[in-house]
Amino acid sequence: MSITTSYKTEIVLPKPQLRSFQGNIKGSPCMGIMQLAVDKIVKERGGAVTQGYQDCAGKAHPCIMGLSTPAFPRGIGVGLDAEGQVLFQYDQEGANVNEAKAICNDLARAYAVVAVMRVRQKQGYRVSIEKETPGASGVEVQTIAVRQ
């Protein structure tokens, strides 16, 4: 039996983006940042970009985007609730839930880093990642922002 789990994030698409990108939410700026985050985690974990996730019976569940990794092959999908809150979805039945949570945390971290870098660039800074350090509570990312 499949048990779909939704990992709620603090990432929320602004209402104007939800309205203006109804037909193609992947084209919204927030989902562009999420795609970069997904690409980064796929590269870090040796995975693949997908269109969603699979349940324990192998049934595909399409999402806005998704990823799978060797340690979590059924994958995690990225979706939105009605209010624009970003959700990470996966089937926890027979899965390594700790691995799924770690991937979700990594996605949220990568999203935050890319979003902050984009804001700083718009403010006229040249931004680069100086160091990424794995730690007990995730990966600490140090960036450098220099006024141009």
N, C-alpha and C. Protein backbone atom coordinates (compact mmCIF):
# COMPACT_ATOMS: atom_id res chain seq x y z
N MET A 1 0.84 -1.17 0.00
CA MET A 1 0.00 0.00 0.00
C MET A 1 0.89 1.24 0.00
N SER A 2 0.58 2.17 -0.85
CA SER A 2 1.33 3.40 -1.00
C SER A 2 0.94 4.41 0.08
N ILE A 3 1.95 5.11 0.62
CA ILE A 3 1.70 6.16 1.61
C ILE A 3 2.41 7.41 1.13
N THR A 4 1.69 8.27 0.43
CA THR A 4 2.29 9.50 -0.08
C THR A 4 2.50 10.47 1.07
N THR A 5 3.71 10.99 1.12
CA THR A 5 4.08 11.95 2.16
C THR A 5 4.39 13.28 1.50
N SER A 6 3.92 14.35 2.09
CA SER A 6 4.24 15.69 1.61
C SER A 6 5.09 16.38 2.66
N TYR A 7 6.24 16.82 2.25
CA TYR A 7 7.18 17.54 3.10
C TYR A 7 6.95 19.02 2.82
N LYS A 8 6.32 19.73 3.74
CA LYS A 8 6.02 21.15 3.53
C LYS A 8 7.28 21.98 3.72
N THR A 9 7.43 22.97 2.86
CA THR A 9 8.56 23.88 2.96
C THR A 9 8.06 25.25 3.38
N GLU A 10 8.98 26.14 3.60
CA GLU A 10 8.63 27.53 3.87
C GLU A 10 8.67 28.35 2.59
N ILE A 11 8.90 27.68 1.47
CA ILE A 11 8.96 28.35 0.18
C ILE A 11 7.53 28.52 -0.33
N VAL A 12 7.15 29.76 -0.63
CA VAL A 12 5.81 30.04 -1.12
C VAL A 12 5.92 30.92 -2.36
N LEU A 13 5.25 30.50 -3.43
CA LEU A 13 5.20 31.33 -4.62
C LEU A 13 4.27 32.51 -4.36
N PRO A 14 4.72 33.71 -4.67
CA PRO A 14 3.85 34.88 -4.48
C PRO A 14 2.58 34.75 -5.33
N LYS A 15 1.48 35.26 -4.81
CA LYS A 15 0.19 35.17 -5.51
C LYS A 15 0.26 35.68 -6.95
N PRO A 16 0.94 36.84 -7.20
CA PRO A 16 1.00 37.29 -8.60
C PRO A 16 1.65 36.27 -9.54
N GLN A 17 2.68 35.56 -9.06
CA GLN A 17 3.30 34.52 -9.89
C GLN A 17 2.34 33.37 -10.12
N LEU A 18 1.60 32.99 -9.08
CA LEU A 18 0.63 31.90 -9.23
C LEU A 18 -0.41 32.25 -10.30
N ARG A 19 -0.89 33.48 -10.26
CA ARG A 19 -1.91 33.90 -11.23
C ARG A 19 -1.34 34.04 -12.63
N SER A 20 -0.21 34.71 -12.76
CA SER A 20 0.31 35.01 -14.08
C SER A 20 0.93 33.80 -14.79
N PHE A 21 1.34 32.79 -14.04
CA PHE A 21 1.97 31.62 -14.65
C PHE A 21 1.09 30.37 -14.56
N GLN A 22 -0.22 30.54 -14.40
CA GLN A 22 -1.13 29.38 -14.25
C GLN A 22 -0.88 28.31 -15.31
N GLY A 23 -0.73 28.72 -16.55
CA GLY A 23 -0.55 27.73 -17.62
C GLY A 23 0.82 27.08 -17.62
N ASN A 24 1.83 27.76 -17.11
CA ASN A 24 3.18 27.23 -17.14
C ASN A 24 3.93 27.66 -15.88
N ILE A 25 3.60 27.06 -14.76
CA ILE A 25 4.21 27.44 -13.48
C ILE A 25 5.71 27.18 -13.48
N LYS A 26 6.19 26.24 -14.32
CA LYS A 26 7.63 25.99 -14.42
C LYS A 26 8.37 27.22 -14.92
N GLY A 27 7.67 28.11 -15.63
CA GLY A 27 8.29 29.31 -16.16
C GLY A 27 8.39 30.45 -15.16
N SER A 28 7.85 30.27 -13.96
CA SER A 28 7.89 31.33 -12.95
C SER A 28 9.31 31.46 -12.38
N PRO A 29 9.68 32.66 -11.91
CA PRO A 29 11.02 32.83 -11.33
C PRO A 29 11.30 31.87 -10.16
N CYS A 30 10.32 31.65 -9.29
CA CYS A 30 10.54 30.75 -8.15
C CYS A 30 10.81 29.32 -8.60
N MET A 31 10.09 28.86 -9.62
CA MET A 31 10.32 27.51 -10.11
C MET A 31 11.62 27.42 -10.90
N GLY A 32 12.06 28.53 -11.48
CA GLY A 32 13.37 28.56 -12.11
C GLY A 32 14.47 28.34 -11.08
N ILE A 33 14.31 28.98 -9.92
CA ILE A 33 15.26 28.78 -8.82
C ILE A 33 15.18 27.34 -8.32
N MET A 34 13.95 26.80 -8.22
CA MET A 34 13.81 25.41 -7.76
C MET A 34 14.47 24.45 -8.75
N GLN A 35 14.37 24.73 -10.04
CA GLN A 35 15.02 23.86 -11.02
C GLN A 35 16.53 23.86 -10.82
N LEU A 36 17.11 25.03 -10.54
CA LEU A 36 18.55 25.09 -10.25
C LEU A 36 18.88 24.29 -9.00
N ALA A 37 18.02 24.37 -7.98
CA ALA A 37 18.23 23.61 -6.74
C ALA A 37 18.17 22.11 -7.02
N VAL A 38 17.17 21.69 -7.79
CA VAL A 38 17.04 20.27 -8.14
C VAL A 38 18.29 19.82 -8.90
N ASP A 39 18.72 20.61 -9.88
CA ASP A 39 19.92 20.26 -10.66
C ASP A 39 21.15 20.12 -9.77
N LYS A 40 21.28 21.02 -8.79
CA LYS A 40 22.43 20.97 -7.88
C LYS A 40 22.42 19.69 -7.03
N ILE A 41 21.25 19.34 -6.49
CA ILE A 41 21.17 18.15 -5.64
C ILE A 41 21.36 16.88 -6.47
N VAL A 42 20.83 16.88 -7.67
CA VAL A 42 21.04 15.73 -8.58
C VAL A 42 22.53 15.54 -8.82
N LYS A 43 23.24 16.63 -9.08
CA LYS A 43 24.68 16.54 -9.32
C LYS A 43 25.42 16.07 -8.07
N GLU A 44 25.07 16.62 -6.90
CA GLU A 44 25.73 16.23 -5.64
C GLU A 44 25.52 14.76 -5.31
N ARG A 45 24.33 14.25 -5.59
CA ARG A 45 23.97 12.90 -5.17
C ARG A 45 24.03 11.86 -6.30
N GLY A 46 24.46 12.27 -7.48
CA GLY A 46 24.59 11.34 -8.59
C GLY A 46 23.26 10.81 -9.08
N GLY A 47 22.24 11.65 -9.08
CA GLY A 47 20.89 11.23 -9.45
C GLY A 47 20.48 11.67 -10.84
N ALA A 48 19.17 11.78 -11.02
CA ALA A 48 18.60 12.17 -12.30
C ALA A 48 17.39 13.08 -12.06
N VAL A 49 17.20 14.03 -12.97
CA VAL A 49 16.01 14.87 -12.95
C VAL A 49 14.85 14.05 -13.51
N THR A 50 13.70 14.15 -12.86
CA THR A 50 12.52 13.39 -13.28
C THR A 50 11.31 14.31 -13.42
N GLN A 51 10.20 13.73 -13.80
CA GLN A 51 8.96 14.49 -13.92
C GLN A 51 8.07 14.31 -12.69
N GLY A 52 8.55 13.63 -11.66
CA GLY A 52 7.75 13.38 -10.46
C GLY A 52 8.39 12.26 -9.65
N TYR A 53 7.55 11.41 -9.06
CA TYR A 53 8.05 10.29 -8.26
C TYR A 53 7.21 9.06 -8.55
N GLN A 54 7.67 7.91 -8.07
CA GLN A 54 6.94 6.65 -8.21
C GLN A 54 6.53 6.15 -6.85
N ASP A 55 5.38 5.47 -6.79
CA ASP A 55 4.98 4.86 -5.54
C ASP A 55 5.57 3.45 -5.44
N CYS A 56 5.27 2.75 -4.36
CA CYS A 56 5.88 1.44 -4.12
C CYS A 56 5.45 0.40 -5.16
N ALA A 57 4.35 0.66 -5.88
CA ALA A 57 3.90 -0.26 -6.93
C ALA A 57 4.46 0.12 -8.29
N GLY A 58 5.28 1.16 -8.35
CA GLY A 58 5.88 1.59 -9.60
C GLY A 58 5.03 2.56 -10.40
N LYS A 59 3.89 2.99 -9.85
CA LYS A 59 3.04 3.94 -10.55
C LYS A 59 3.65 5.34 -10.49
N ALA A 60 3.70 6.00 -11.65
CA ALA A 60 4.27 7.35 -11.73
C ALA A 60 3.27 8.38 -11.22
N HIS A 61 3.77 9.34 -10.46
CA HIS A 61 2.97 10.46 -9.96
C HIS A 61 3.63 11.74 -10.50
N PRO A 62 3.08 12.30 -11.58
CA PRO A 62 3.68 13.50 -12.17
C PRO A 62 3.60 14.71 -11.22
N CYS A 63 4.64 15.52 -11.26
CA CYS A 63 4.73 16.74 -10.47
C CYS A 63 5.29 17.83 -11.36
N ILE A 64 5.51 18.99 -10.82
CA ILE A 64 6.11 20.08 -11.58
C ILE A 64 7.49 19.67 -12.05
N MET A 65 8.24 19.05 -11.16
CA MET A 65 9.56 18.51 -11.46
C MET A 65 9.91 17.52 -10.36
N GLY A 66 10.98 16.79 -10.51
CA GLY A 66 11.37 15.84 -9.48
C GLY A 66 12.80 15.38 -9.68
N LEU A 67 13.23 14.51 -8.79
CA LEU A 67 14.55 13.91 -8.89
C LEU A 67 14.55 12.55 -8.25
N SER A 68 15.46 11.71 -8.71
CA SER A 68 15.69 10.43 -8.06
C SER A 68 17.20 10.29 -7.87
N THR A 69 17.57 9.49 -6.88
CA THR A 69 18.98 9.26 -6.60
C THR A 69 19.20 7.76 -6.43
N PRO A 70 20.43 7.32 -6.49
CA PRO A 70 20.68 5.89 -6.25
C PRO A 70 20.18 5.45 -4.87
N ALA A 71 20.27 6.33 -3.86
CA ALA A 71 19.83 5.97 -2.51
C ALA A 71 18.32 6.12 -2.34
N PHE A 72 17.65 6.82 -3.26
CA PHE A 72 16.20 7.01 -3.20
C PHE A 72 15.65 6.94 -4.63
N PRO A 73 15.66 5.73 -5.22
CA PRO A 73 15.36 5.58 -6.65
C PRO A 73 13.92 5.89 -7.07
N ARG A 74 12.96 5.79 -6.17
CA ARG A 74 11.58 6.11 -6.56
C ARG A 74 11.35 7.60 -6.67
N GLY A 75 12.23 8.37 -6.09
CA GLY A 75 12.25 9.80 -6.30
C GLY A 75 11.38 10.64 -5.41
N ILE A 76 11.57 11.93 -5.58
CA ILE A 76 10.84 12.97 -4.86
C ILE A 76 10.33 13.96 -5.89
N GLY A 77 9.06 14.32 -5.77
CA GLY A 77 8.46 15.28 -6.69
C GLY A 77 8.30 16.63 -6.02
N VAL A 78 8.33 17.68 -6.83
CA VAL A 78 8.12 19.04 -6.35
C VAL A 78 6.73 19.48 -6.81
N GLY A 79 5.89 19.86 -5.86
CA GLY A 79 4.54 20.29 -6.17
C GLY A 79 4.19 21.57 -5.43
N LEU A 80 2.97 22.03 -5.65
CA LEU A 80 2.45 23.23 -4.98
C LEU A 80 1.09 22.93 -4.40
N ASP A 81 0.78 23.52 -3.24
CA ASP A 81 -0.60 23.43 -2.76
C ASP A 81 -1.38 24.62 -3.32
N ALA A 82 -2.64 24.73 -2.99
CA ALA A 82 -3.51 25.77 -3.55
C ALA A 82 -3.06 27.19 -3.18
N GLU A 83 -2.33 27.31 -2.08
CA GLU A 83 -1.87 28.63 -1.62
C GLU A 83 -0.50 29.00 -2.16
N GLY A 84 0.11 28.11 -2.94
CA GLY A 84 1.42 28.39 -3.51
C GLY A 84 2.59 27.88 -2.69
N GLN A 85 2.31 27.14 -1.62
CA GLN A 85 3.39 26.60 -0.80
C GLN A 85 4.02 25.41 -1.54
N VAL A 86 5.33 25.41 -1.62
CA VAL A 86 6.06 24.34 -2.29
C VAL A 86 6.08 23.11 -1.39
N LEU A 87 5.76 21.94 -1.99
CA LEU A 87 5.76 20.67 -1.28
C LEU A 87 6.72 19.71 -1.97
N PHE A 88 7.41 18.92 -1.19
CA PHE A 88 8.19 17.82 -1.74
C PHE A 88 7.39 16.55 -1.43
N GLN A 89 7.11 15.74 -2.44
CA GLN A 89 6.24 14.58 -2.28
C GLN A 89 6.99 13.29 -2.63
N TYR A 90 6.71 12.25 -1.86
CA TYR A 90 7.29 10.93 -2.14
C TYR A 90 6.44 9.88 -1.47
N ASP A 91 6.67 8.63 -1.86
CA ASP A 91 5.96 7.51 -1.23
C ASP A 91 6.88 6.92 -0.17
N GLN A 92 6.45 6.96 1.07
CA GLN A 92 7.31 6.48 2.16
C GLN A 92 7.19 4.98 2.40
N GLU A 93 6.24 4.30 1.77
CA GLU A 93 6.06 2.87 1.98
C GLU A 93 7.31 2.11 1.53
N GLY A 94 7.96 1.45 2.46
CA GLY A 94 9.14 0.65 2.17
C GLY A 94 10.36 1.47 1.78
N ALA A 95 10.33 2.76 2.01
CA ALA A 95 11.42 3.64 1.61
C ALA A 95 12.25 4.05 2.82
N ASN A 96 13.44 4.52 2.55
CA ASN A 96 14.31 5.05 3.59
C ASN A 96 13.86 6.50 3.85
N VAL A 97 13.02 6.68 4.84
CA VAL A 97 12.43 7.99 5.14
C VAL A 97 13.51 9.00 5.54
N ASN A 98 14.54 8.55 6.24
CA ASN A 98 15.62 9.47 6.63
C ASN A 98 16.33 10.01 5.40
N GLU A 99 16.53 9.16 4.40
CA GLU A 99 17.16 9.60 3.15
C GLU A 99 16.27 10.61 2.43
N ALA A 100 14.96 10.34 2.41
CA ALA A 100 14.02 11.26 1.77
C ALA A 100 14.05 12.62 2.46
N LYS A 101 14.05 12.62 3.79
CA LYS A 101 14.10 13.88 4.53
C LYS A 101 15.40 14.63 4.27
N ALA A 102 16.50 13.88 4.18
CA ALA A 102 17.80 14.52 3.90
C ALA A 102 17.79 15.18 2.52
N ILE A 103 17.20 14.51 1.53
CA ILE A 103 17.11 15.08 0.19
C ILE A 103 16.23 16.33 0.22
N CYS A 104 15.10 16.25 0.91
CA CYS A 104 14.21 17.41 1.02
C CYS A 104 14.91 18.59 1.69
N ASN A 105 15.65 18.32 2.75
CA ASN A 105 16.42 19.38 3.43
C ASN A 105 17.46 19.98 2.49
N ASP A 106 18.14 19.12 1.72
CA ASP A 106 19.14 19.60 0.77
C ASP A 106 18.49 20.47 -0.31
N LEU A 107 17.31 20.07 -0.78
CA LEU A 107 16.61 20.88 -1.78
C LEU A 107 16.25 22.25 -1.23
N ALA A 108 15.74 22.29 -0.01
CA ALA A 108 15.37 23.57 0.61
C ALA A 108 16.61 24.43 0.81
N ARG A 109 17.70 23.83 1.24
CA ARG A 109 18.97 24.57 1.42
C ARG A 109 19.45 25.13 0.10
N ALA A 110 19.47 24.31 -0.93
CA ALA A 110 19.95 24.76 -2.24
C ALA A 110 19.07 25.88 -2.78
N TYR A 111 17.75 25.75 -2.59
CA TYR A 111 16.83 26.80 -3.03
C TYR A 111 17.16 28.12 -2.34
N ALA A 112 17.36 28.07 -1.03
CA ALA A 112 17.64 29.29 -0.26
C ALA A 112 18.94 29.94 -0.72
N VAL A 113 19.96 29.14 -0.97
CA VAL A 113 21.25 29.68 -1.41
C VAL A 113 21.10 30.38 -2.76
N VAL A 114 20.45 29.71 -3.71
CA VAL A 114 20.27 30.30 -5.04
C VAL A 114 19.42 31.57 -4.95
N ALA A 115 18.36 31.54 -4.15
CA ALA A 115 17.49 32.71 -4.02
C ALA A 115 18.25 33.91 -3.44
N VAL A 116 19.04 33.68 -2.40
CA VAL A 116 19.82 34.76 -1.80
C VAL A 116 20.85 35.30 -2.79
N MET A 117 21.49 34.40 -3.51
CA MET A 117 22.47 34.84 -4.50
C MET A 117 21.81 35.70 -5.58
N ARG A 118 20.62 35.31 -6.02
CA ARG A 118 19.89 36.09 -7.04
C ARG A 118 19.54 37.49 -6.52
N VAL A 119 19.05 37.56 -5.29
CA VAL A 119 18.70 38.86 -4.70
C VAL A 119 19.93 39.74 -4.63
N ARG A 120 21.02 39.19 -4.15
CA ARG A 120 22.25 39.97 -4.02
C ARG A 120 22.74 40.46 -5.39
N GLN A 121 22.62 39.62 -6.41
CA GLN A 121 23.03 40.02 -7.75
C GLN A 121 22.18 41.19 -8.24
N LYS A 122 20.88 41.13 -7.96
CA LYS A 122 19.98 42.23 -8.37
C LYS A 122 20.29 43.52 -7.61
N GLN A 123 20.89 43.38 -6.43
CA GLN A 123 21.27 44.56 -5.65
C GLN A 123 22.63 45.12 -6.08
N GLY A 124 23.23 44.50 -7.10
CA GLY A 124 24.49 45.01 -7.63
C GLY A 124 25.73 44.35 -7.08
N TYR A 125 25.58 43.21 -6.42
CA TYR A 125 26.74 42.50 -5.90
C TYR A 125 27.17 41.40 -6.86
N ARG A 126 28.47 41.12 -6.85
CA ARG A 126 28.99 39.94 -7.54
C ARG A 126 29.07 38.85 -6.47
N VAL A 127 28.34 37.76 -6.67
CA VAL A 127 28.19 36.75 -5.63
C VAL A 127 28.82 35.44 -6.08
N SER A 128 29.53 34.80 -5.16
CA SER A 128 30.07 33.47 -5.45
C SER A 128 30.07 32.64 -4.17
N ILE A 129 30.04 31.34 -4.35
CA ILE A 129 30.11 30.43 -3.21
C ILE A 129 31.57 30.23 -2.87
N GLU A 130 31.90 30.51 -1.61
CA GLU A 130 33.27 30.37 -1.16
C GLU A 130 33.55 28.95 -0.67
N LYS A 131 32.61 28.41 0.12
CA LYS A 131 32.86 27.11 0.73
C LYS A 131 31.54 26.45 1.11
N GLU A 132 31.46 25.14 0.92
CA GLU A 132 30.33 24.34 1.40
C GLU A 132 30.89 23.31 2.37
N THR A 133 30.40 23.34 3.60
CA THR A 133 30.92 22.47 4.65
C THR A 133 29.81 21.57 5.18
N PRO A 134 29.95 20.24 5.01
CA PRO A 134 28.95 19.34 5.60
C PRO A 134 29.02 19.40 7.12
N GLY A 135 27.85 19.39 7.75
CA GLY A 135 27.79 19.41 9.21
C GLY A 135 26.66 18.55 9.71
N ALA A 136 26.48 18.50 11.02
CA ALA A 136 25.45 17.66 11.63
C ALA A 136 24.05 18.10 11.25
N SER A 137 23.86 19.40 11.03
CA SER A 137 22.52 19.89 10.71
C SER A 137 22.36 20.20 9.22
N GLY A 138 23.22 19.65 8.38
CA GLY A 138 23.14 19.89 6.95
C GLY A 138 24.43 20.48 6.44
N VAL A 139 24.37 21.13 5.31
CA VAL A 139 25.56 21.72 4.70
C VAL A 139 25.52 23.22 4.92
N GLU A 140 26.61 23.74 5.46
CA GLU A 140 26.72 25.18 5.66
C GLU A 140 27.36 25.77 4.40
N VAL A 141 26.75 26.80 3.86
CA VAL A 141 27.24 27.43 2.64
C VAL A 141 27.68 28.84 2.96
N GLN A 142 28.92 29.15 2.61
CA GLN A 142 29.43 30.50 2.80
C GLN A 142 29.56 31.14 1.42
N THR A 143 28.95 32.31 1.28
CA THR A 143 29.04 33.03 0.02
C THR A 143 29.80 34.32 0.22
N ILE A 144 30.31 34.84 -0.87
CA ILE A 144 30.98 36.14 -0.87
C ILE A 144 30.16 37.05 -1.77
N ALA A 145 29.81 38.22 -1.25
CA ALA A 145 29.09 39.22 -2.05
C ALA A 145 29.92 40.50 -2.05
N VAL A 146 30.36 40.90 -3.24
CA VAL A 146 31.20 42.08 -3.38
C VAL A 146 30.46 43.09 -4.24
N ARG A 147 30.35 44.33 -3.74
CA ARG A 147 29.65 45.39 -4.48
C ARG A 147 30.45 45.69 -5.76
N GLN A 148 29.75 45.69 -6.88
CA GLN A 148 30.42 45.95 -8.16
C GLN A 148 30.55 47.42 -8.41
